[in-house]
Amino acid sequence: MAGRRLALKEAFRPSLDRLRITWDAAERARIAAVLRDLMAGPLPGVEDHQTVLYPAGVAWVRQVPGRRLWILYRFDDDVVSAIALVDRRPVHVGD
């Protein structure tokens, strides 16, 4: 479904700060583009996979193109929730 709202979870901004994304306009633009795609495109995307999100179960992962950065997210029909940005490849789970 297209047109979801974006919810930035509590850990998302601190993860940007930790990786120094908040101080780099080009990196912020790359992250914003991925978040726009998550709101508009079909989910999960063909490049997305599930990972374990301790202790809360699983989340979906999408890599920022051309970067060693991944956005952890969850979604339903109305909202995509950006949980955190990480700089280590998340463990793939599921099929």
Protein backbone atom coordinates (compact mmCIF):
# COMPACT_ATOMS: atom_id res chain seq x y z
CA MET A 1 0.00 0.00 0.00
CA ALA A 2 1.31 3.45 -0.86
CA GLY A 3 1.03 6.59 1.23
CA ARG A 4 1.94 5.37 4.71
CA ARG A 5 2.80 7.81 7.47
CA LEU A 6 6.31 7.77 8.87
CA ALA A 7 6.89 7.30 12.60
CA LEU A 8 10.43 7.83 13.87
CA LYS A 9 10.83 5.70 16.96
CA GLU A 10 12.65 6.92 20.07
CA ALA A 11 15.97 5.27 19.16
CA PHE A 12 16.09 6.57 15.58
CA ARG A 13 17.48 10.08 16.21
CA PRO A 14 20.12 8.87 18.69
CA SER A 15 21.26 6.30 16.11
CA LEU A 16 21.72 9.12 13.56
CA ASP A 17 23.70 11.12 16.12
CA ARG A 18 25.88 8.12 17.05
CA LEU A 19 26.78 7.57 13.38
CA ARG A 20 27.25 11.35 12.83
CA ILE A 21 24.56 11.41 10.12
CA THR A 22 22.94 14.53 11.60
CA TRP A 23 26.05 16.56 10.70
CA ASP A 24 26.33 15.43 7.07
CA ALA A 25 23.77 16.85 4.61
CA ALA A 26 24.55 14.30 1.89
CA GLU A 27 24.08 11.37 4.29
CA ARG A 28 20.84 12.88 5.63
CA ALA A 29 19.57 13.15 2.04
CA ARG A 30 20.37 9.46 1.40
CA ILE A 31 18.54 8.41 4.56
CA ALA A 32 15.56 10.65 3.72
CA ALA A 33 15.30 9.09 0.25
CA VAL A 34 15.13 5.59 1.74
CA LEU A 35 12.49 6.72 4.26
CA ARG A 36 10.40 8.23 1.43
CA ASP A 37 10.64 4.93 -0.46
CA LEU A 38 9.50 3.04 2.64
CA MET A 39 6.43 5.28 2.90
CA ALA A 40 5.45 5.02 -0.76
CA GLY A 41 6.49 1.62 -2.08
CA PRO A 42 5.33 -1.93 -1.48
CA LEU A 43 6.66 -3.46 1.73
CA PRO A 44 8.67 -5.42 2.31
CA GLY A 45 10.71 -4.46 -0.75
CA VAL A 46 12.51 -7.12 -2.79
CA GLU A 47 15.84 -6.09 -1.25
CA ASP A 48 14.52 -6.09 2.33
CA HIS A 49 14.92 -8.93 4.80
CA GLN A 50 13.96 -9.67 8.38
CA THR A 51 16.33 -9.52 11.32
CA VAL A 52 16.10 -10.20 15.03
CA LEU A 53 15.45 -7.09 17.09
CA TYR A 54 16.26 -8.03 20.65
CA PRO A 55 14.22 -8.13 22.87
CA ALA A 56 11.19 -7.12 20.80
CA GLY A 57 11.06 -9.81 18.12
CA VAL A 58 11.81 -9.07 14.46
CA ALA A 59 12.09 -6.04 12.23
CA TRP A 60 12.64 -5.48 8.53
CA VAL A 61 15.92 -4.12 7.19
CA ARG A 62 16.69 -1.97 4.17
CA GLN A 63 20.21 -0.98 3.18
CA VAL A 64 20.96 2.63 2.26
CA PRO A 65 22.16 2.38 -1.36
CA GLY A 66 25.92 2.58 -1.73
CA ARG A 67 26.51 2.78 2.02
CA ARG A 68 27.24 0.39 4.87
CA LEU A 69 24.12 1.64 6.64
CA TRP A 70 20.85 -0.16 7.26
CA ILE A 71 17.46 1.12 8.42
CA LEU A 72 15.55 -1.17 10.77
CA TYR A 73 11.80 -0.74 10.37
CA ARG A 74 8.37 -2.21 11.00
CA PHE A 75 5.20 -1.48 9.07
CA ASP A 76 1.48 -1.98 8.73
CA ASP A 77 -1.03 -0.68 6.18
CA ASP A 78 -0.93 2.86 7.57
CA VAL A 79 2.44 3.47 9.21
CA VAL A 80 6.09 2.62 8.64
CA SER A 81 8.09 2.91 11.87
CA ALA A 82 11.80 3.68 11.46
CA ILE A 83 13.38 2.06 14.50
CA ALA A 84 17.10 2.75 14.10
CA LEU A 85 19.97 3.19 11.70
CA VAL A 86 22.85 0.74 12.11
CA ASP A 87 26.30 0.47 10.54
CA ARG A 88 26.72 -3.30 10.88
CA ARG A 89 24.97 -5.73 8.58
CA PRO A 90 21.98 -7.13 10.50
CA VAL A 91 21.62 -10.90 10.74
CA HIS A 92 19.22 -12.27 8.12
CA VAL A 93 16.37 -14.43 9.50
CA GLY A 94 13.43 -16.13 7.83
CA ASP A 95 13.14 -17.45 4.29
